[in-house]
Amino acid sequence: MGKRLALRAGDVVTIPPNVKHWHGAARDSWFSHLSVETNCQAGPAEWLEPVAEAEYNRLK
């Protein structure tokens, strides 16, 4: 499992091309996600599989 980031309102995260990642809220909070694609010539974003509940529950 990779690096976790604690985000605050207004934070911006830039994900480089071809980097698999996922996002979600902690168990005791909510999360709102806005995606902006800036390199449309390269094609659309590829939305991957959701995180399995068992994997999510292993997070601390």
PDB file of N, CA and C in Angstrom:
ATOM      1  N   MET A   1       0.845  -1.168   0.000  1.00  0.00           N
ATOM      2  CA  MET A   1       0.000   0.000   0.000  1.00  0.00           C
ATOM      3  C   MET A   1       0.890   1.230   0.000  1.00  0.00           C
ATOM      4  N   GLY A   2       0.490   2.231  -0.740  1.00  0.00           N
ATOM      5  CA  GLY A   2       1.299   3.429  -0.910  1.00  0.00           C
ATOM      6  C   GLY A   2       1.114   4.446   0.195  1.00  0.00           C
ATOM      7  N   LYS A   3       1.477   5.645  -0.114  1.00  0.00           N
ATOM      8  CA  LYS A   3       1.443   6.763   0.828  1.00  0.00           C
ATOM      9  C   LYS A   3       0.018   7.279   1.001  1.00  0.00           C
ATOM     10  N   ARG A   4      -0.349   7.606   2.219  1.00  0.00           N
ATOM     11  CA  ARG A   4      -1.649   8.221   2.508  1.00  0.00           C
ATOM     12  C   ARG A   4      -1.445   9.702   2.761  1.00  0.00           C
ATOM     13  N   LEU A   5      -2.392  10.503   2.311  1.00  0.00           N
ATOM     14  CA  LEU A   5      -2.364  11.941   2.549  1.00  0.00           C
ATOM     15  C   LEU A   5      -3.603  12.352   3.318  1.00  0.00           C
ATOM     16  N   ALA A   6      -3.422  13.143   4.354  1.00  0.00           N
ATOM     17  CA  ALA A   6      -4.561  13.742   5.049  1.00  0.00           C
ATOM     18  C   ALA A   6      -4.806  15.087   4.387  1.00  0.00           C
ATOM     19  N   LEU A   7      -5.991  15.261   3.820  1.00  0.00           N
ATOM     20  CA  LEU A   7      -6.309  16.483   3.096  1.00  0.00           C
ATOM     21  C   LEU A   7      -7.214  17.393   3.907  1.00  0.00           C
ATOM     22  N   ARG A   8      -7.068  18.670   3.687  1.00  0.00           N
ATOM     23  CA  ARG A   8      -7.900  19.680   4.317  1.00  0.00           C
ATOM     24  C   ARG A   8      -8.683  20.403   3.220  1.00  0.00           C
ATOM     25  N   ALA A   9      -9.752  21.056   3.591  1.00  0.00           N
ATOM     26  CA  ALA A   9     -10.564  21.803   2.619  1.00  0.00           C
ATOM     27  C   ALA A   9      -9.670  22.728   1.806  1.00  0.00           C
ATOM     28  N   GLY A  10      -9.806  22.671   0.486  1.00  0.00           N
ATOM     29  CA  GLY A  10      -9.049  23.535  -0.406  1.00  0.00           C
ATOM     30  C   GLY A  10      -7.734  22.957  -0.882  1.00  0.00           C
ATOM     31  N   ASP A  11      -7.288  21.829  -0.332  1.00  0.00           N
ATOM     32  CA  ASP A  11      -6.047  21.212  -0.790  1.00  0.00           C
ATOM     33  C   ASP A  11      -6.180  20.769  -2.242  1.00  0.00           C
ATOM     34  N   VAL A  12      -5.077  20.804  -2.970  1.00  0.00           N
ATOM     35  CA  VAL A  12      -5.022  20.343  -4.345  1.00  0.00           C
ATOM     36  C   VAL A  12      -3.964  19.255  -4.435  1.00  0.00           C
ATOM     37  N   VAL A  13      -4.311  18.147  -5.066  1.00  0.00           N
ATOM     38  CA  VAL A  13      -3.371  17.042  -5.261  1.00  0.00           C
ATOM     39  C   VAL A  13      -3.245  16.821  -6.757  1.00  0.00           C
ATOM     40  N   THR A  14      -2.020  16.785  -7.259  1.00  0.00           N
ATOM     41  CA  THR A  14      -1.775  16.529  -8.674  1.00  0.00           C
ATOM     42  C   THR A  14      -1.230  15.115  -8.819  1.00  0.00           C
ATOM     43  N   ILE A  15      -1.904  14.319  -9.630  1.00  0.00           N
ATOM     44  CA  ILE A  15      -1.485  12.941  -9.867  1.00  0.00           C
ATOM     45  C   ILE A  15      -0.838  12.878 -11.247  1.00  0.00           C
ATOM     46  N   PRO A  16       0.420  12.453 -11.332  1.00  0.00           N
ATOM     47  CA  PRO A  16       1.079  12.356 -12.640  1.00  0.00           C
ATOM     48  C   PRO A  16       0.409  11.305 -13.530  1.00  0.00           C
ATOM     49  N   PRO A  17       0.607  11.405 -14.841  1.00  0.00           N
ATOM     50  CA  PRO A  17       0.054  10.399 -15.745  1.00  0.00           C
ATOM     51  C   PRO A  17       0.545   8.994 -15.400  1.00  0.00           C
ATOM     52  N   ASN A  18      -0.300   8.010 -15.630  1.00  0.00           N
ATOM     53  CA  ASN A  18       0.031   6.587 -15.465  1.00  0.00           C
ATOM     54  C   ASN A  18       0.352   6.183 -14.031  1.00  0.00           C
ATOM     55  N   VAL A  19      -0.173   6.914 -13.057  1.00  0.00           N
ATOM     56  CA  VAL A  19       0.003   6.556 -11.646  1.00  0.00           C
ATOM     57  C   VAL A  19      -1.344   6.066 -11.128  1.00  0.00           C
ATOM     58  N   LYS A  20      -1.399   4.789 -10.744  1.00  0.00           N
ATOM     59  CA  LYS A  20      -2.633   4.231 -10.193  1.00  0.00           C
ATOM     60  C   LYS A  20      -2.793   4.745  -8.768  1.00  0.00           C
ATOM     61  N   HIS A  21      -3.981   5.250  -8.460  1.00  0.00           N
ATOM     62  CA  HIS A  21      -4.237   5.787  -7.126  1.00  0.00           C
ATOM     63  C   HIS A  21      -5.716   5.637  -6.803  1.00  0.00           C
ATOM     64  N   TRP A  22      -6.057   5.811  -5.559  1.00  0.00           N
ATOM     65  CA  TRP A  22      -7.459   5.807  -5.149  1.00  0.00           C
ATOM     66  C   TRP A  22      -7.648   6.882  -4.095  1.00  0.00           C
ATOM     67  N   HIS A  23      -8.889   7.216  -3.855  1.00  0.00           N
ATOM     68  CA  HIS A  23      -9.194   8.272  -2.900  1.00  0.00           C
ATOM     69  C   HIS A  23     -10.477   7.929  -2.176  1.00  0.00           C
ATOM     70  N   GLY A  24     -10.560   8.402  -0.956  1.00  0.00           N
ATOM     71  CA  GLY A  24     -11.760   8.149  -0.158  1.00  0.00           C
ATOM     72  C   GLY A  24     -11.624   8.753   1.216  1.00  0.00           C
ATOM     73  N   ALA A  25     -12.706   8.694   1.934  1.00  0.00           N
ATOM     74  CA  ALA A  25     -12.759   9.293   3.264  1.00  0.00           C
ATOM     75  C   ALA A  25     -12.294   8.305   4.327  1.00  0.00           C
ATOM     76  N   ALA A  26     -11.883   8.853   5.447  1.00  0.00           N
ATOM     77  CA  ALA A  26     -11.618   8.024   6.621  1.00  0.00           C
ATOM     78  C   ALA A  26     -12.958   7.522   7.155  1.00  0.00           C
ATOM     79  N   ARG A  27     -12.901   6.520   8.003  1.00  0.00           N
ATOM     80  CA  ARG A  27     -14.140   5.927   8.532  1.00  0.00           C
ATOM     81  C   ARG A  27     -15.040   6.938   9.240  1.00  0.00           C
ATOM     82  N   ASP A  28     -14.406   7.955   9.861  1.00  0.00           N
ATOM     83  CA  ASP A  28     -15.180   8.897  10.677  1.00  0.00           C
ATOM     84  C   ASP A  28     -15.364  10.265  10.009  1.00  0.00           C
ATOM     85  N   SER A  29     -15.264  10.317   8.676  1.00  0.00           N
ATOM     86  CA  SER A  29     -15.434  11.594   7.989  1.00  0.00           C
ATOM     87  C   SER A  29     -16.055  11.387   6.610  1.00  0.00           C
ATOM     88  N   TRP A  30     -16.264  12.465   5.895  1.00  0.00           N
ATOM     89  CA  TRP A  30     -16.813  12.400   4.553  1.00  0.00           C
ATOM     90  C   TRP A  30     -15.788  12.951   3.584  1.00  0.00           C
ATOM     91  N   PHE A  31     -16.020  12.751   2.311  1.00  0.00           N
ATOM     92  CA  PHE A  31     -15.060  13.163   1.299  1.00  0.00           C
ATOM     93  C   PHE A  31     -15.803  13.580   0.039  1.00  0.00           C
ATOM     94  N   SER A  32     -15.452  14.726  -0.498  1.00  0.00           N
ATOM     95  CA  SER A  32     -16.007  15.183  -1.770  1.00  0.00           C
ATOM     96  C   SER A  32     -14.849  15.323  -2.745  1.00  0.00           C
ATOM     97  N   HIS A  33     -15.016  14.821  -3.961  1.00  0.00           N
ATOM     98  CA  HIS A  33     -13.924  14.746  -4.920  1.00  0.00           C
ATOM     99  C   HIS A  33     -14.299  15.477  -6.194  1.00  0.00           C
ATOM    100  N   LEU A  34     -13.400  16.313  -6.689  1.00  0.00           N
ATOM    101  CA  LEU A  34     -13.590  17.007  -7.953  1.00  0.00           C
ATOM    102  C   LEU A  34     -12.375  16.702  -8.816  1.00  0.00           C
ATOM    103  N   SER A  35     -12.589  16.170  -9.994  1.00  0.00           N
ATOM    104  CA  SER A  35     -11.500  15.821 -10.896  1.00  0.00           C
ATOM    105  C   SER A  35     -11.472  16.796 -12.061  1.00  0.00           C
ATOM    106  N   VAL A  36     -10.297  17.334 -12.349  1.00  0.00           N
ATOM    107  CA  VAL A  36     -10.112  18.229 -13.484  1.00  0.00           C
ATOM    108  C   VAL A  36      -9.036  17.614 -14.375  1.00  0.00           C
ATOM    109  N   GLU A  37      -9.402  17.357 -15.618  1.00  0.00           N
ATOM    110  CA  GLU A  37      -8.442  16.797 -16.564  1.00  0.00           C
ATOM    111  C   GLU A  37      -7.888  17.930 -17.417  1.00  0.00           C
ATOM    112  N   THR A  38      -6.571  18.064 -17.433  1.00  0.00           N
ATOM    113  CA  THR A  38      -5.960  19.182 -18.144  1.00  0.00           C
ATOM    114  C   THR A  38      -5.240  18.770 -19.419  1.00  0.00           C
ATOM    115  N   ASN A  39      -5.115  17.486 -19.683  1.00  0.00           N
ATOM    116  CA  ASN A  39      -4.436  17.027 -20.893  1.00  0.00           C
ATOM    117  C   ASN A  39      -5.402  16.166 -21.706  1.00  0.00           C
ATOM    118  N   CYS A  40      -6.453  16.776 -22.192  1.00  0.00           N
ATOM    119  CA  CYS A  40      -7.505  16.040 -22.895  1.00  0.00           C
ATOM    120  C   CYS A  40      -7.006  15.379 -24.180  1.00  0.00           C
ATOM    121  N   GLN A  41      -5.943  15.902 -24.770  1.00  0.00           N
ATOM    122  CA  GLN A  41      -5.396  15.302 -25.986  1.00  0.00           C
ATOM    123  C   GLN A  41      -4.864  13.895 -25.719  1.00  0.00           C
ATOM    124  N   ALA A  42      -4.480  13.611 -24.497  1.00  0.00           N
ATOM    125  CA  ALA A  42      -3.945  12.296 -24.132  1.00  0.00           C
ATOM    126  C   ALA A  42      -5.057  11.275 -23.918  1.00  0.00           C
ATOM    127  N   GLY A  43      -6.305  11.717 -23.931  1.00  0.00           N
ATOM    128  CA  GLY A  43      -7.428  10.813 -23.706  1.00  0.00           C
ATOM    129  C   GLY A  43      -8.030  11.031 -22.342  1.00  0.00           C
ATOM    130  N   PRO A  44      -9.185  10.413 -22.104  1.00  0.00           N
ATOM    131  CA  PRO A  44      -9.882  10.602 -20.831  1.00  0.00           C
ATOM    132  C   PRO A  44      -9.209   9.843 -19.682  1.00  0.00           C
ATOM    133  N   ALA A  45      -9.576  10.228 -18.476  1.00  0.00           N
ATOM    134  CA  ALA A  45      -9.091   9.504 -17.291  1.00  0.00           C
ATOM    135  C   ALA A  45      -9.627   8.082 -17.317  1.00  0.00           C
ATOM    136  N   GLU A  46      -8.850   7.163 -16.798  1.00  0.00           N
ATOM    137  CA  GLU A  46      -9.283   5.764 -16.683  1.00  0.00           C
ATOM    138  C   GLU A  46      -9.680   5.525 -15.239  1.00  0.00           C
ATOM    139  N   TRP A  47     -10.971   5.313 -14.997  1.00  0.00           N
ATOM    140  CA  TRP A  47     -11.466   5.071 -13.648  1.00  0.00           C
ATOM    141  C   TRP A  47     -11.354   3.577 -13.375  1.00  0.00           C
ATOM    142  N   LEU A  48     -10.626   3.223 -12.345  1.00  0.00           N
ATOM    143  CA  LEU A  48     -10.328   1.827 -12.028  1.00  0.00           C
ATOM    144  C   LEU A  48     -11.320   1.260 -11.024  1.00  0.00           C
ATOM    145  N   GLU A  49     -11.050   0.035 -10.593  1.00  0.00           N
ATOM    146  CA  GLU A  49     -11.952  -0.681  -9.690  1.00  0.00           C
ATOM    147  C   GLU A  49     -12.030   0.009  -8.331  1.00  0.00           C
ATOM    148  N   PRO A  50     -13.170  -0.108  -7.656  1.00  0.00           N
ATOM    149  CA  PRO A  50     -13.261   0.446  -6.302  1.00  0.00           C
ATOM    150  C   PRO A  50     -12.407  -0.376  -5.333  1.00  0.00           C
ATOM    151  N   VAL A  51     -12.039   0.238  -4.227  1.00  0.00           N
ATOM    152  CA  VAL A  51     -11.274  -0.466  -3.194  1.00  0.00           C
ATOM    153  C   VAL A  51     -12.215  -1.443  -2.498  1.00  0.00           C
ATOM    154  N   ALA A  52     -11.761  -2.672  -2.339  1.00  0.00           N
ATOM    155  CA  ALA A  52     -12.573  -3.685  -1.661  1.00  0.00           C
ATOM    156  C   ALA A  52     -12.750  -3.313  -0.189  1.00  0.00           C
ATOM    157  N   GLU A  53     -13.903  -3.616   0.360  1.00  0.00           N
ATOM    158  CA  GLU A  53     -14.188  -3.270   1.753  1.00  0.00           C
ATOM    159  C   GLU A  53     -13.168  -3.896   2.704  1.00  0.00           C
ATOM    160  N   ALA A  54     -12.754  -5.126   2.447  1.00  0.00           N
ATOM    161  CA  ALA A  54     -11.767  -5.789   3.314  1.00  0.00           C
ATOM    162  C   ALA A  54     -10.446  -5.027   3.297  1.00  0.00           C
ATOM    163  N   GLU A  55     -10.030  -4.552   2.119  1.00  0.00           N
ATOM    164  CA  GLU A  55      -8.781  -3.781   2.025  1.00  0.00           C
ATOM    165  C   GLU A  55      -8.919  -2.446   2.756  1.00  0.00           C
ATOM    166  N   TYR A  56     -10.056  -1.777   2.573  1.00  0.00           N
ATOM    167  CA  TYR A  56     -10.307  -0.498   3.240  1.00  0.00           C
ATOM    168  C   TYR A  56     -10.274  -0.684   4.753  1.00  0.00           C
ATOM    169  N   ASN A  57     -10.861  -1.761   5.254  1.00  0.00           N
ATOM    170  CA  ASN A  57     -10.922  -2.010   6.699  1.00  0.00           C
ATOM    171  C   ASN A  57      -9.556  -2.304   7.306  1.00  0.00           C
ATOM    172  N   ARG A  58      -8.556  -2.665   6.485  1.00  0.00           N
ATOM    173  CA  ARG A  58      -7.205  -2.911   6.984  1.00  0.00           C
ATOM    174  C   ARG A  58      -6.457  -1.605   7.231  1.00  0.00           C
ATOM    175  N   LEU A  59      -6.950  -0.488   6.693  1.00  0.00           N
ATOM    176  CA  LEU A  59      -6.279   0.796   6.889  1.00  0.00           C
ATOM    177  C   LEU A  59      -6.391   1.244   8.340  1.00  0.00           C
ATOM    178  N   LYS A  60      -5.380   1.924   8.795  1.00  0.00           N
ATOM    179  CA  LYS A  60      -5.382   2.422  10.164  1.00  0.00           C
ATOM    180  C   LYS A  60      -5.871   3.849  10.187  1.00  0.00           C
TER     181      LYS A  60
END
